[in-house]
Amino acid sequence: MSTPDTMTPLLSTPWVDANGKRLSVKSLPGLSPELIENLSSAYPGIINPRLRDLLASCCGLADTELGHIDFTGACFPKEPCSVLRPCLTIAIDDAGRRWVAEVGGQDFLGPVWCVFPDPQVALHISDNLQAFLGTLHEHAHRGQTLAWLQELSATAHLVWAHRRALALRPRGAYHADSEIRGWLASLPSDAYVYDLRQPSTVRGWPYGVAGPSARLYRCGRLPVFAVAGSPMEGWRSGQPKTTSPVHPVAAHGLELELPSALTGRRPRRLQPMHPFRRRRPGKSTVRLVHRRADVSSAATLSRRTCECA
């Protein structure tokens, strides 16, 4: 079954809400053979036969809650995160999140990632474009797109908050998996590895963990990433200014994967006393003052006696 056939219900059928009211989402018409050929020249090796068939029937969706979704990648600038390339940026929403679909690994576009600018976290959304559109359609039908976006934002904040606990060191992970052993051996000693191959885990990696000078790596086309560089800025930076409430589903999913040590309470830190705020003297302080006064008086009296003699 071809790509257009499997996506027909999502692209040709009007989107409606739970009450049967038609939504504003519209399918954009397909491209002419000349335009598809121009795209093939602009993106050599990216426009495969299945993508050609898709673009011939539909080139995107308009008026979704993420904005315009473009299957050609021509409406948005190139994805700056190099380890996700080759890819197409299919949408950039009002919050500045980039929705990126990889190309070249399979017939469909995908996997699809949501790259957050703040916190600097990339979340795995779906395995292919069809699954992504199905998820978006389902949430739009139920009127839950905003709640879904809030959940994704909460998950990104949790990944960033636990960026140290989710990281693996290459030396520690070297003997764990023969599939990536050679790649682990090629990483620099200051690398931190994030393995997102297990679907049950929170599939997000903090690409900005080492600050602006970070060096990013990826094991082929596997969802296994590494970040190298000085982690001082990334480790010490706290939660970003734009925060969102923690969604209980996202929090529960992350707690299942994190070490139990993270669930314990941190020891309470004693606050230092303000230098200009004096503590009211107690009985022990008064006694100490009196003792010092007695010693001073005795010393003065002894000195005067010696002078008279």
C-alpha atoms as a PDB file:
ATOM      1  CA  MET A   1       0.000   0.000   0.000  1.00  0.00           C
ATOM      2  CA  SER A   2       1.453   3.349  -1.028  1.00  0.00           C
ATOM      3  CA  THR A   3       1.981   6.380   1.168  1.00  0.00           C
ATOM      4  CA  PRO A   4      -0.957   8.387  -0.243  1.00  0.00           C
ATOM      5  CA  ASP A   5      -3.312   5.434   0.271  1.00  0.00           C
ATOM      6  CA  THR A   6      -2.418   5.045   3.948  1.00  0.00           C
ATOM      7  CA  MET A   7      -2.700   8.779   4.573  1.00  0.00           C
ATOM      8  CA  THR A   8      -5.934   9.329   2.664  1.00  0.00           C
ATOM      9  CA  PRO A   9      -8.157   9.550   5.788  1.00  0.00           C
ATOM     10  CA  LEU A  10      -5.820  12.150   7.273  1.00  0.00           C
ATOM     11  CA  LEU A  11      -5.266  14.259   4.172  1.00  0.00           C
ATOM     12  CA  SER A  12      -8.435  14.087   2.087  1.00  0.00           C
ATOM     13  CA  THR A  13     -11.139  13.725   4.747  1.00  0.00           C
ATOM     14  CA  PRO A  14     -12.168  16.929   6.610  1.00  0.00           C
ATOM     15  CA  TRP A  15     -11.075  17.100  10.245  1.00  0.00           C
ATOM     16  CA  VAL A  16     -13.977  17.410  12.684  1.00  0.00           C
ATOM     17  CA  ASP A  17     -14.236  17.756  16.460  1.00  0.00           C
ATOM     18  CA  ALA A  18     -16.051  15.436  18.856  1.00  0.00           C
ATOM     19  CA  ASN A  19     -19.371  17.169  18.081  1.00  0.00           C
ATOM     20  CA  GLY A  20     -18.991  16.714  14.340  1.00  0.00           C
ATOM     21  CA  LYS A  21     -18.130  20.364  13.740  1.00  0.00           C
ATOM     22  CA  ARG A  22     -15.638  20.855  10.958  1.00  0.00           C
ATOM     23  CA  LEU A  23     -12.233  22.158  12.035  1.00  0.00           C
ATOM     24  CA  SER A  24     -10.239  24.784  10.161  1.00  0.00           C
ATOM     25  CA  VAL A  25      -7.541  22.306   9.094  1.00  0.00           C
ATOM     26  CA  LYS A  26      -7.201  22.153   5.318  1.00  0.00           C
ATOM     27  CA  SER A  27      -5.161  19.877   3.072  1.00  0.00           C
ATOM     28  CA  LEU A  28      -2.972  21.678   0.589  1.00  0.00           C
ATOM     29  CA  PRO A  29      -2.996  20.515  -3.045  1.00  0.00           C
ATOM     30  CA  GLY A  30      -0.253  18.380  -4.505  1.00  0.00           C
ATOM     31  CA  LEU A  31       2.711  19.697  -6.450  1.00  0.00           C
ATOM     32  CA  SER A  32       3.242  19.501 -10.168  1.00  0.00           C
ATOM     33  CA  PRO A  33       5.948  17.168 -11.532  1.00  0.00           C
ATOM     34  CA  GLU A  34       8.077  20.219 -12.364  1.00  0.00           C
ATOM     35  CA  LEU A  35       8.014  21.490  -8.771  1.00  0.00           C
ATOM     36  CA  ILE A  36       8.794  18.050  -7.399  1.00  0.00           C
ATOM     37  CA  GLU A  37      11.748  17.819  -9.777  1.00  0.00           C
ATOM     38  CA  ASN A  38      12.977  21.212  -8.554  1.00  0.00           C
ATOM     39  CA  LEU A  39      12.748  19.953  -4.966  1.00  0.00           C
ATOM     40  CA  SER A  40      14.723  16.859  -5.930  1.00  0.00           C
ATOM     41  CA  SER A  41      17.454  19.098  -7.290  1.00  0.00           C
ATOM     42  CA  ALA A  42      17.401  21.286  -4.173  1.00  0.00           C
ATOM     43  CA  TYR A  43      17.442  18.268  -1.827  1.00  0.00           C
ATOM     44  CA  PRO A  44      19.534  15.614  -3.592  1.00  0.00           C
ATOM     45  CA  GLY A  45      18.950  12.144  -2.209  1.00  0.00           C
ATOM     46  CA  ILE A  46      16.032  13.191   0.017  1.00  0.00           C
ATOM     47  CA  ILE A  47      13.020  13.008  -2.310  1.00  0.00           C
ATOM     48  CA  ASN A  48      12.514   9.247  -2.544  1.00  0.00           C
ATOM     49  CA  PRO A  49       9.727   7.609  -4.643  1.00  0.00           C
ATOM     50  CA  ARG A  50       7.303   7.368  -1.701  1.00  0.00           C
ATOM     51  CA  LEU A  51       7.786  11.044  -0.857  1.00  0.00           C
ATOM     52  CA  ARG A  52       7.249  11.910  -4.515  1.00  0.00           C
ATOM     53  CA  ASP A  53       3.885  10.147  -4.414  1.00  0.00           C
ATOM     54  CA  LEU A  54       2.941  11.985  -1.229  1.00  0.00           C
ATOM     55  CA  LEU A  55       3.899  15.410  -2.609  1.00  0.00           C
ATOM     56  CA  ALA A  56       1.996  14.706  -5.810  1.00  0.00           C
ATOM     57  CA  SER A  57      -1.219  14.251  -3.821  1.00  0.00           C
ATOM     58  CA  CYS A  58      -0.704  16.724  -0.945  1.00  0.00           C
ATOM     59  CA  CYS A  59       2.127  19.044   0.061  1.00  0.00           C
ATOM     60  CA  GLY A  60       0.996  19.823   3.603  1.00  0.00           C
ATOM     61  CA  LEU A  61      -1.731  20.980   5.979  1.00  0.00           C
ATOM     62  CA  ALA A  62      -2.851  24.518   6.747  1.00  0.00           C
ATOM     63  CA  ASP A  63      -4.435  26.051   9.858  1.00  0.00           C
ATOM     64  CA  THR A  64      -3.506  23.323  12.305  1.00  0.00           C
ATOM     65  CA  GLU A  65      -2.924  24.187  15.956  1.00  0.00           C
ATOM     66  CA  LEU A  66       0.791  23.915  15.244  1.00  0.00           C
ATOM     67  CA  GLY A  67       0.475  26.297  12.333  1.00  0.00           C
ATOM     68  CA  HIS A  68       1.303  25.358   8.759  1.00  0.00           C
ATOM     69  CA  ILE A  69       2.676  21.826   8.273  1.00  0.00           C
ATOM     70  CA  ASP A  70       4.884  21.594   5.200  1.00  0.00           C
ATOM     71  CA  PHE A  71       5.911  18.249   3.716  1.00  0.00           C
ATOM     72  CA  THR A  72       8.454  19.857   1.386  1.00  0.00           C
ATOM     73  CA  GLY A  73      10.677  21.550   3.987  1.00  0.00           C
ATOM     74  CA  ALA A  74      10.861  24.647   1.790  1.00  0.00           C
ATOM     75  CA  CYS A  75       8.802  26.954   4.023  1.00  0.00           C
ATOM     76  CA  PHE A  76      11.142  26.904   7.018  1.00  0.00           C
ATOM     77  CA  PRO A  77      14.889  27.437   7.497  1.00  0.00           C
ATOM     78  CA  LYS A  78      17.304  24.558   7.733  1.00  0.00           C
ATOM     79  CA  GLU A  79      17.393  22.647  11.010  1.00  0.00           C
ATOM     80  CA  PRO A  80      20.455  23.876  12.981  1.00  0.00           C
ATOM     81  CA  CYS A  81      20.833  20.627  14.968  1.00  0.00           C
ATOM     82  CA  SER A  82      23.233  18.801  12.654  1.00  0.00           C
ATOM     83  CA  VAL A  83      22.805  15.296  14.134  1.00  0.00           C
ATOM     84  CA  LEU A  84      19.167  15.214  12.991  1.00  0.00           C
ATOM     85  CA  ARG A  85      20.056  15.815   9.351  1.00  0.00           C
ATOM     86  CA  PRO A  86      19.079  14.865   6.717  1.00  0.00           C
ATOM     87  CA  CYS A  87      15.698  16.110   7.786  1.00  0.00           C
ATOM     88  CA  LEU A  88      12.901  18.501   6.924  1.00  0.00           C
ATOM     89  CA  THR A  89      11.463  21.077   9.302  1.00  0.00           C
ATOM     90  CA  ILE A  90       7.759  20.506   8.780  1.00  0.00           C
ATOM     91  CA  ALA A  91       6.457  23.101  11.279  1.00  0.00           C
ATOM     92  CA  ILE A  92       7.501  25.817  13.733  1.00  0.00           C
ATOM     93  CA  ASP A  93       4.754  26.650  16.214  1.00  0.00           C
ATOM     94  CA  ASP A  94       4.067  29.895  18.077  1.00  0.00           C
ATOM     95  CA  ALA A  95       6.282  28.804  20.999  1.00  0.00           C
ATOM     96  CA  GLY A  96       9.287  28.419  18.698  1.00  0.00           C
ATOM     97  CA  ARG A  97       9.323  24.624  18.861  1.00  0.00           C
ATOM     98  CA  ARG A  98      10.642  23.032  15.691  1.00  0.00           C
ATOM     99  CA  TRP A  99       8.867  19.904  14.431  1.00  0.00           C
ATOM    100  CA  VAL A 100      11.461  17.966  12.466  1.00  0.00           C
ATOM    101  CA  ALA A 101      11.011  14.846  10.319  1.00  0.00           C
ATOM    102  CA  GLU A 102      14.049  12.826   9.340  1.00  0.00           C
ATOM    103  CA  VAL A 103      14.381  11.557   5.789  1.00  0.00           C
ATOM    104  CA  GLY A 104      16.307   8.784   4.116  1.00  0.00           C
ATOM    105  CA  GLY A 105      15.926   6.113   6.785  1.00  0.00           C
ATOM    106  CA  GLN A 106      12.578   4.704   5.624  1.00  0.00           C
ATOM    107  CA  ASP A 107       9.849   5.184   3.044  1.00  0.00           C
ATOM    108  CA  PHE A 108       7.868   7.539   5.252  1.00  0.00           C
ATOM    109  CA  LEU A 109       9.237  10.778   6.623  1.00  0.00           C
ATOM    110  CA  GLY A 110      10.365  10.126  10.171  1.00  0.00           C
ATOM    111  CA  PRO A 111      11.126   9.793  12.964  1.00  0.00           C
ATOM    112  CA  VAL A 112       9.516  13.076  13.973  1.00  0.00           C
ATOM    113  CA  TRP A 113      11.168  15.157  16.714  1.00  0.00           C
ATOM    114  CA  CYS A 114      10.078  18.236  18.627  1.00  0.00           C
ATOM    115  CA  VAL A 115      13.113  20.448  19.262  1.00  0.00           C
ATOM    116  CA  PHE A 116      12.544  22.842  22.169  1.00  0.00           C
ATOM    117  CA  PRO A 117      14.501  26.108  22.272  1.00  0.00           C
ATOM    118  CA  ASP A 118      14.045  26.480  26.049  1.00  0.00           C
ATOM    119  CA  PRO A 119      14.876  24.108  27.643  1.00  0.00           C
ATOM    120  CA  GLN A 120      17.238  22.823  24.972  1.00  0.00           C
ATOM    121  CA  VAL A 121      15.700  19.362  24.720  1.00  0.00           C
ATOM    122  CA  ALA A 122      14.680  17.257  21.704  1.00  0.00           C
ATOM    123  CA  LEU A 123      11.746  14.877  22.230  1.00  0.00           C
ATOM    124  CA  HIS A 124      10.907  11.873  20.078  1.00  0.00           C
ATOM    125  CA  ILE A 125       7.264  12.297  18.980  1.00  0.00           C
ATOM    126  CA  SER A 126       6.578   9.439  16.566  1.00  0.00           C
ATOM    127  CA  ASP A 127       8.310   6.934  14.329  1.00  0.00           C
ATOM    128  CA  ASN A 128       7.016   8.416  11.069  1.00  0.00           C
ATOM    129  CA  LEU A 129       4.955  11.211   9.564  1.00  0.00           C
ATOM    130  CA  GLN A 130       1.806   9.118   9.345  1.00  0.00           C
ATOM    131  CA  ALA A 131       1.865   8.398  13.106  1.00  0.00           C
ATOM    132  CA  PHE A 132       2.544  12.069  13.824  1.00  0.00           C
ATOM    133  CA  LEU A 133      -0.424  13.220  11.746  1.00  0.00           C
ATOM    134  CA  GLY A 134      -2.597  10.556  13.371  1.00  0.00           C
ATOM    135  CA  THR A 135      -1.642  11.808  16.846  1.00  0.00           C
ATOM    136  CA  LEU A 136      -2.279  15.417  15.868  1.00  0.00           C
ATOM    137  CA  HIS A 137      -5.628  14.479  14.312  1.00  0.00           C
ATOM    138  CA  GLU A 138      -6.734  12.545  17.398  1.00  0.00           C
ATOM    139  CA  HIS A 139      -5.929  15.395  19.798  1.00  0.00           C
ATOM    140  CA  ALA A 140      -7.583  17.943  17.503  1.00  0.00           C
ATOM    141  CA  HIS A 141     -10.702  15.761  17.276  1.00  0.00           C
ATOM    142  CA  ARG A 142     -10.943  15.535  21.068  1.00  0.00           C
ATOM    143  CA  GLY A 143     -10.031  19.194  21.619  1.00  0.00           C
ATOM    144  CA  GLN A 144      -6.937  18.178  23.603  1.00  0.00           C
ATOM    145  CA  THR A 145      -4.124  19.612  21.502  1.00  0.00           C
ATOM    146  CA  LEU A 146      -3.260  22.254  24.105  1.00  0.00           C
ATOM    147  CA  ALA A 147      -3.133  19.635  26.884  1.00  0.00           C
ATOM    148  CA  TRP A 148      -0.898  17.448  24.680  1.00  0.00           C
ATOM    149  CA  LEU A 149       1.501  20.350  24.083  1.00  0.00           C
ATOM    150  CA  GLN A 150       1.585  21.104  27.806  1.00  0.00           C
ATOM    151  CA  GLU A 151       2.433  17.474  28.498  1.00  0.00           C
ATOM    152  CA  LEU A 152       5.286  17.592  25.983  1.00  0.00           C
ATOM    153  CA  SER A 153       6.562  20.795  27.559  1.00  0.00           C
ATOM    154  CA  ALA A 154       6.418  19.231  31.022  1.00  0.00           C
ATOM    155  CA  THR A 155       8.329  16.192  29.764  1.00  0.00           C
ATOM    156  CA  ALA A 156      11.011  18.423  28.234  1.00  0.00           C
ATOM    157  CA  HIS A 157      11.419  20.247  31.558  1.00  0.00           C
ATOM    158  CA  LEU A 158      11.723  16.946  33.406  1.00  0.00           C
ATOM    159  CA  VAL A 159      14.382  15.691  30.985  1.00  0.00           C
ATOM    160  CA  TRP A 160      16.310  18.900  31.513  1.00  0.00           C
ATOM    161  CA  ALA A 161      15.921  18.776  35.299  1.00  0.00           C
ATOM    162  CA  HIS A 162      17.302  15.204  35.381  1.00  0.00           C
ATOM    163  CA  ARG A 163      19.848  15.664  32.595  1.00  0.00           C
ATOM    164  CA  ARG A 164      22.705  14.390  34.781  1.00  0.00           C
ATOM    165  CA  ALA A 165      20.889  11.237  35.955  1.00  0.00           C
ATOM    166  CA  LEU A 166      19.777  10.307  32.424  1.00  0.00           C
ATOM    167  CA  ALA A 167      23.309  10.564  31.022  1.00  0.00           C
ATOM    168  CA  LEU A 168      25.696   7.626  30.595  1.00  0.00           C
ATOM    169  CA  ARG A 169      29.466   7.831  30.403  1.00  0.00           C
ATOM    170  CA  PRO A 170      31.036   6.055  27.378  1.00  0.00           C
ATOM    171  CA  ARG A 171      33.348   3.981  29.568  1.00  0.00           C
ATOM    172  CA  GLY A 172      30.500   2.756  31.748  1.00  0.00           C
ATOM    173  CA  ALA A 173      28.270   1.859  28.777  1.00  0.00           C
ATOM    174  CA  TYR A 174      31.049   0.344  26.646  1.00  0.00           C
ATOM    175  CA  HIS A 175      30.476  -3.292  27.685  1.00  0.00           C
ATOM    176  CA  ALA A 176      26.677  -3.015  27.882  1.00  0.00           C
ATOM    177  CA  ASP A 177      25.778  -3.132  24.205  1.00  0.00           C
ATOM    178  CA  SER A 178      27.737  -4.582  21.313  1.00  0.00           C
ATOM    179  CA  GLU A 179      25.589  -2.677  18.777  1.00  0.00           C
ATOM    180  CA  ILE A 180      27.053   0.686  19.749  1.00  0.00           C
ATOM    181  CA  ARG A 181      30.365  -0.455  21.263  1.00  0.00           C
ATOM    182  CA  GLY A 182      32.508   0.768  18.400  1.00  0.00           C
ATOM    183  CA  TRP A 183      30.771   4.122  18.370  1.00  0.00           C
ATOM    184  CA  LEU A 184      31.211   4.512  22.135  1.00  0.00           C
ATOM    185  CA  ALA A 185      34.934   3.846  21.776  1.00  0.00           C
ATOM    186  CA  SER A 186      35.215   6.714  19.273  1.00  0.00           C
ATOM    187  CA  LEU A 187      33.679   9.313  21.604  1.00  0.00           C
ATOM    188  CA  PRO A 188      35.816  11.809  23.517  1.00  0.00           C
ATOM    189  CA  SER A 189      36.321  11.232  27.231  1.00  0.00           C
ATOM    190  CA  ASP A 190      34.113  14.197  28.194  1.00  0.00           C
ATOM    191  CA  ALA A 191      31.030  12.861  26.341  1.00  0.00           C
ATOM    192  CA  TYR A 192      27.655  12.136  27.912  1.00  0.00           C
ATOM    193  CA  VAL A 193      25.495   9.506  26.173  1.00  0.00           C
ATOM    194  CA  TYR A 194      21.689   9.441  25.925  1.00  0.00           C
ATOM    195  CA  ASP A 195      20.223   6.157  24.695  1.00  0.00           C
ATOM    196  CA  LEU A 196      16.605   6.500  23.518  1.00  0.00           C
ATOM    197  CA  ARG A 197      16.152   3.125  21.867  1.00  0.00           C
ATOM    198  CA  GLN A 198      13.768   1.748  24.477  1.00  0.00           C
ATOM    199  CA  PRO A 199      10.168   2.888  23.762  1.00  0.00           C
ATOM    200  CA  SER A 200       9.278   2.609  27.456  1.00  0.00           C
ATOM    201  CA  THR A 201      11.737   5.305  28.491  1.00  0.00           C
ATOM    202  CA  VAL A 202      11.270   9.045  28.264  1.00  0.00           C
ATOM    203  CA  ARG A 203      12.621   9.572  24.767  1.00  0.00           C
ATOM    204  CA  GLY A 204      14.261  12.955  25.039  1.00  0.00           C
ATOM    205  CA  TRP A 205      17.852  14.186  25.152  1.00  0.00           C
ATOM    206  CA  PRO A 206      19.158  17.574  26.370  1.00  0.00           C
ATOM    207  CA  TYR A 207      21.250  18.714  23.402  1.00  0.00           C
ATOM    208  CA  GLY A 208      22.200  21.940  25.211  1.00  0.00           C
ATOM    209  CA  VAL A 209      23.586  20.265  28.319  1.00  0.00           C
ATOM    210  CA  ALA A 210      27.166  21.366  27.652  1.00  0.00           C
ATOM    211  CA  GLY A 211      26.365  24.950  26.743  1.00  0.00           C
ATOM    212  CA  PRO A 212      26.970  26.836  23.489  1.00  0.00           C
ATOM    213  CA  SER A 213      30.274  25.065  22.796  1.00  0.00           C
ATOM    214  CA  ALA A 214      28.753  21.567  22.924  1.00  0.00           C
ATOM    215  CA  ARG A 215      29.785  18.967  20.358  1.00  0.00           C
ATOM    216  CA  LEU A 216      26.944  16.661  19.298  1.00  0.00           C
ATOM    217  CA  TYR A 217      27.283  13.050  18.133  1.00  0.00           C
ATOM    218  CA  ARG A 218      24.916  10.328  16.944  1.00  0.00           C
ATOM    219  CA  CYS A 219      25.351   6.608  16.410  1.00  0.00           C
ATOM    220  CA  GLY A 220      24.375   6.317  12.736  1.00  0.00           C
ATOM    221  CA  ARG A 221      20.604   6.788  12.460  1.00  0.00           C
ATOM    222  CA  LEU A 222      19.897   5.172  15.825  1.00  0.00           C
ATOM    223  CA  PRO A 223      18.254   7.290  18.534  1.00  0.00           C
ATOM    224  CA  VAL A 224      21.507   7.254  20.506  1.00  0.00           C
ATOM    225  CA  PHE A 225      23.122  10.635  21.042  1.00  0.00           C
ATOM    226  CA  ALA A 226      26.121  12.058  22.828  1.00  0.00           C
ATOM    227  CA  VAL A 227      26.962  15.551  24.023  1.00  0.00           C
ATOM    228  CA  ALA A 228      30.586  16.492  24.666  1.00  0.00           C
ATOM    229  CA  GLY A 229      32.148  19.609  26.082  1.00  0.00           C
ATOM    230  CA  SER A 230      32.487  21.342  29.406  1.00  0.00           C
ATOM    231  CA  PRO A 231      29.244  20.615  31.295  1.00  0.00           C
ATOM    232  CA  MET A 232      29.705  23.444  33.791  1.00  0.00           C
ATOM    233  CA  GLU A 233      27.144  25.745  32.223  1.00  0.00           C
ATOM    234  CA  GLY A 234      24.680  22.994  31.359  1.00  0.00           C
ATOM    235  CA  TRP A 235      24.817  21.226  34.721  1.00  0.00           C
ATOM    236  CA  ARG A 236      24.544  24.376  36.823  1.00  0.00           C
ATOM    237  CA  SER A 237      21.849  26.136  34.857  1.00  0.00           C
ATOM    238  CA  GLY A 238      18.503  25.715  36.556  1.00  0.00           C
ATOM    239  CA  GLN A 239      15.020  25.537  35.196  1.00  0.00           C
ATOM    240  CA  PRO A 240      14.387  27.942  32.308  1.00  0.00           C
ATOM    241  CA  LYS A 241      12.338  31.064  32.822  1.00  0.00           C
ATOM    242  CA  THR A 242       9.365  29.716  30.871  1.00  0.00           C
ATOM    243  CA  THR A 243       8.033  26.904  33.010  1.00  0.00           C
ATOM    244  CA  SER A 244       4.862  24.890  32.750  1.00  0.00           C
ATOM    245  CA  PRO A 245       3.018  22.762  35.302  1.00  0.00           C
ATOM    246  CA  VAL A 246       4.243  19.194  35.523  1.00  0.00           C
ATOM    247  CA  HIS A 247       1.759  16.905  33.860  1.00  0.00           C
ATOM    248  CA  PRO A 248       1.099  13.864  36.096  1.00  0.00           C
ATOM    249  CA  VAL A 249       1.379  11.401  33.213  1.00  0.00           C
ATOM    250  CA  ALA A 250       4.775  12.736  32.155  1.00  0.00           C
ATOM    251  CA  ALA A 251       6.031  12.832  35.741  1.00  0.00           C
ATOM    252  CA  HIS A 252       4.904   9.260  36.380  1.00  0.00           C
ATOM    253  CA  GLY A 253       6.574   8.010  33.222  1.00  0.00           C
ATOM    254  CA  LEU A 254       9.893   9.584  34.139  1.00  0.00           C
ATOM    255  CA  GLU A 255       9.841   8.355  37.734  1.00  0.00           C
ATOM    256  CA  LEU A 256       9.651   4.778  36.485  1.00  0.00           C
ATOM    257  CA  GLU A 257      12.964   5.137  34.704  1.00  0.00           C
ATOM    258  CA  LEU A 258      15.014   7.298  37.074  1.00  0.00           C
ATOM    259  CA  PRO A 259      17.123   5.904  39.929  1.00  0.00           C
ATOM    260  CA  SER A 260      15.410   5.710  43.284  1.00  0.00           C
ATOM    261  CA  ALA A 261      17.952   8.122  44.714  1.00  0.00           C
ATOM    262  CA  LEU A 262      16.276  10.942  42.823  1.00  0.00           C
ATOM    263  CA  THR A 263      13.023  10.457  44.666  1.00  0.00           C
ATOM    264  CA  GLY A 264      14.577  11.202  48.079  1.00  0.00           C
ATOM    265  CA  ARG A 265      14.496  14.650  49.605  1.00  0.00           C
ATOM    266  CA  ARG A 266      17.559  16.800  49.420  1.00  0.00           C
ATOM    267  CA  PRO A 267      19.110  17.747  52.758  1.00  0.00           C
ATOM    268  CA  ARG A 268      18.014  21.061  54.108  1.00  0.00           C
ATOM    269  CA  ARG A 269      20.588  23.791  53.756  1.00  0.00           C
ATOM    270  CA  LEU A 270      21.146  26.086  56.698  1.00  0.00           C
ATOM    271  CA  GLN A 271      20.778  29.721  55.781  1.00  0.00           C
ATOM    272  CA  PRO A 272      23.689  31.938  56.965  1.00  0.00           C
ATOM    273  CA  MET A 273      22.834  34.758  59.329  1.00  0.00           C
ATOM    274  CA  HIS A 274      22.728  38.224  57.825  1.00  0.00           C
ATOM    275  CA  PRO A 275      25.952  40.114  58.697  1.00  0.00           C
ATOM    276  CA  PHE A 276      24.021  43.175  59.928  1.00  0.00           C
ATOM    277  CA  ARG A 277      21.470  41.213  61.921  1.00  0.00           C
ATOM    278  CA  ARG A 278      22.759  40.526  65.435  1.00  0.00           C
ATOM    279  CA  ARG A 279      21.439  37.690  67.479  1.00  0.00           C
ATOM    280  CA  ARG A 280      19.870  38.622  70.791  1.00  0.00           C
ATOM    281  CA  PRO A 281      22.346  37.687  73.543  1.00  0.00           C
ATOM    282  CA  GLY A 282      21.353  34.747  75.725  1.00  0.00           C
ATOM    283  CA  LYS A 283      22.500  33.722  79.174  1.00  0.00           C
ATOM    284  CA  SER A 284      25.736  32.168  77.922  1.00  0.00           C
ATOM    285  CA  THR A 285      26.668  35.373  76.064  1.00  0.00           C
ATOM    286  CA  VAL A 286      25.991  37.516  79.133  1.00  0.00           C
ATOM    287  CA  ARG A 287      28.112  35.247  81.321  1.00  0.00           C
ATOM    288  CA  LEU A 288      30.989  35.435  78.850  1.00  0.00           C
ATOM    289  CA  VAL A 289      30.821  39.247  78.878  1.00  0.00           C
ATOM    290  CA  HIS A 290      30.903  39.322  82.670  1.00  0.00           C
ATOM    291  CA  ARG A 291      33.915  36.997  82.797  1.00  0.00           C
ATOM    292  CA  ARG A 292      35.830  39.164  80.338  1.00  0.00           C
ATOM    293  CA  ALA A 293      35.007  42.257  82.405  1.00  0.00           C
ATOM    294  CA  ASP A 294      36.256  40.607  85.629  1.00  0.00           C
ATOM    295  CA  VAL A 295      39.541  39.553  84.037  1.00  0.00           C
ATOM    296  CA  SER A 296      40.066  43.068  82.645  1.00  0.00           C
ATOM    297  CA  SER A 297      39.433  44.664  86.062  1.00  0.00           C
ATOM    298  CA  ALA A 298      41.820  42.263  87.804  1.00  0.00           C
ATOM    299  CA  ALA A 299      44.559  42.971  85.294  1.00  0.00           C
ATOM    300  CA  THR A 300      44.159  46.726  85.757  1.00  0.00           C
ATOM    301  CA  LEU A 301      44.290  46.471  89.552  1.00  0.00           C
ATOM    302  CA  SER A 302      47.451  44.292  89.434  1.00  0.00           C
ATOM    303  CA  ARG A 303      49.200  46.765  87.130  1.00  0.00           C
ATOM    304  CA  ARG A 304      48.429  49.712  89.421  1.00  0.00           C
ATOM    305  CA  THR A 305      49.724  47.833  92.474  1.00  0.00           C
ATOM    306  CA  CYS A 306      53.047  47.147  90.749  1.00  0.00           C
ATOM    307  CA  GLU A 307      53.458  50.842  89.837  1.00  0.00           C
ATOM    308  CA  CYS A 308      52.905  51.984  93.412  1.00  0.00           C
ATOM    309  CA  ALA A 309      55.494  49.540  94.727  1.00  0.00           C
END
